[in-house]
Protein backbone atom coordinates (compact mmCIF):
# COMPACT_ATOMS: atom_id res chain seq x y z
CA UNK A 1 -3.72 -14.59 -2.88
CA UNK A 2 -0.44 -16.43 -3.05
CA UNK A 3 2.88 -14.59 -2.75
CA UNK A 4 5.98 -15.23 -4.83
CA UNK A 5 9.38 -13.58 -5.19
CA UNK A 6 10.00 -11.59 -8.40
CA UNK A 7 12.89 -9.80 -10.04
CA UNK A 8 11.41 -6.36 -9.32
CA UNK A 9 8.47 -4.12 -10.12
CA UNK A 10 9.01 -4.38 -13.90
CA UNK A 11 7.60 -7.91 -13.95
CA UNK A 12 4.59 -7.11 -11.75
CA UNK A 13 1.60 -5.70 -13.66
CA UNK A 14 0.44 -2.23 -12.64
CA UNK A 15 -2.34 -2.59 -10.09
CA UNK A 16 -1.38 -6.07 -8.94
CA UNK A 17 -1.18 -6.96 -5.24
CA UNK A 18 2.39 -6.82 -3.95
CA UNK A 19 4.50 -6.49 -0.84
CA UNK A 20 7.40 -4.04 -1.10
CA UNK A 21 8.72 -2.39 -4.22
CA UNK A 22 7.06 0.83 -5.38
CA UNK A 23 3.36 1.66 -5.10
CA UNK A 24 1.20 2.17 -8.18
CA UNK A 25 0.01 5.68 -7.36
CA UNK A 26 -1.92 7.78 -9.88
CA UNK A 27 0.08 10.43 -11.76
CA UNK A 28 0.34 13.63 -9.74
CA UNK A 29 -0.28 11.91 -6.41
CA UNK A 30 2.09 13.15 -3.72
CA UNK A 31 4.12 10.68 -1.71
CA UNK A 32 2.62 10.22 1.78
CA UNK A 33 4.50 11.97 4.59
CA UNK A 34 4.35 12.22 8.36
CA UNK A 35 5.90 15.29 10.02
CA UNK A 36 7.47 16.15 6.62
CA UNK A 37 9.19 12.74 6.41
CA UNK A 38 8.39 10.38 3.54
CA UNK A 39 6.63 7.28 4.75
CA UNK A 40 7.81 3.79 3.75
CA UNK A 41 5.68 1.79 1.31
CA UNK A 42 4.72 -1.61 2.71
CA UNK A 43 2.24 -3.24 0.33
CA UNK A 44 -0.70 -2.77 -1.98
CA UNK A 45 -3.74 -4.99 -2.41
CA UNK A 46 -5.83 -5.20 -5.55
CA UNK A 47 -9.38 -5.27 -4.21
CA UNK A 48 -10.59 -7.27 -7.24
CA UNK A 49 -8.28 -10.09 -6.10
CA UNK A 50 -9.25 -9.70 -2.45
CA UNK A 51 -13.03 -9.53 -3.02
CA UNK A 52 -13.49 -13.32 -2.61
CA UNK A 53 -12.00 -13.24 0.90
CA UNK A 54 -14.07 -12.78 4.06
CA UNK A 55 -11.42 -10.21 5.05
CA UNK A 56 -12.79 -7.91 2.31
CA UNK A 57 -16.28 -7.55 3.80
CA UNK A 58 -17.16 -3.86 3.86
CA UNK A 59 -14.36 -2.85 1.46
CA UNK A 60 -14.88 -1.53 -2.06
CA UNK A 61 -14.86 -4.37 -4.62
CA UNK A 62 -12.40 -2.65 -6.98
CA UNK A 63 -9.39 -0.35 -6.71
CA UNK A 64 -6.17 -0.50 -4.70
CA UNK A 65 -5.37 -0.22 -1.02
CA UNK A 66 -1.80 1.01 -0.48
CA UNK A 67 -0.18 0.77 2.97
CA UNK A 68 2.52 3.16 4.24
CA UNK A 69 4.25 3.56 7.61
CA UNK A 70 6.60 6.05 9.28
CA UNK A 71 9.01 4.06 11.43
CA UNK A 72 11.24 7.00 12.41
CA UNK A 73 9.29 8.08 15.54
CA UNK A 74 9.30 4.47 16.70
CA UNK A 75 13.04 4.14 16.09
CA UNK A 76 13.89 7.51 17.70
CA UNK A 77 11.75 7.14 20.83
CA UNK A 78 11.95 3.41 21.33
CA UNK A 79 8.20 3.79 21.80
CA UNK A 80 5.82 0.95 22.54
CA UNK A 81 3.13 2.81 20.54
CA UNK A 82 2.50 1.59 17.02
CA UNK A 83 4.23 3.65 14.33
CA UNK A 84 2.10 6.15 12.38
CA UNK A 85 0.59 4.53 9.32
CA UNK A 86 -1.59 5.42 6.36
CA UNK A 87 -3.85 3.37 4.11
CA UNK A 88 -4.64 5.06 0.79
CA UNK A 89 -7.56 3.94 -1.36
CA UNK A 90 -7.18 4.49 -5.11
CA UNK A 91 -10.31 3.82 -7.15
CA UNK A 92 -10.00 2.64 -10.73
CA UNK A 93 -10.79 5.26 -13.35
CA UNK A 94 -11.42 5.12 -17.10
CA UNK A 95 -8.40 7.35 -17.88
């Protein structure tokens, strides 16, 4: 998967792999939190696009993986521990 700069989420198809911007979460899905703080969205990977990579072994072949992180504890504590993160799997549906 090759990356390229765009002019925002409006030019990226829903469900495409991307770094930054806004996640493509299903309607009604709550925003991920940690200790009642919203987590930052990092990236999402379309598993259809990733399926050809050896890195995808053991992953579902379709759907989205969305990555979130809470940097606040790391910033507050100057901790050496990795910040709390979350990976959310969203399967494709026929809706």
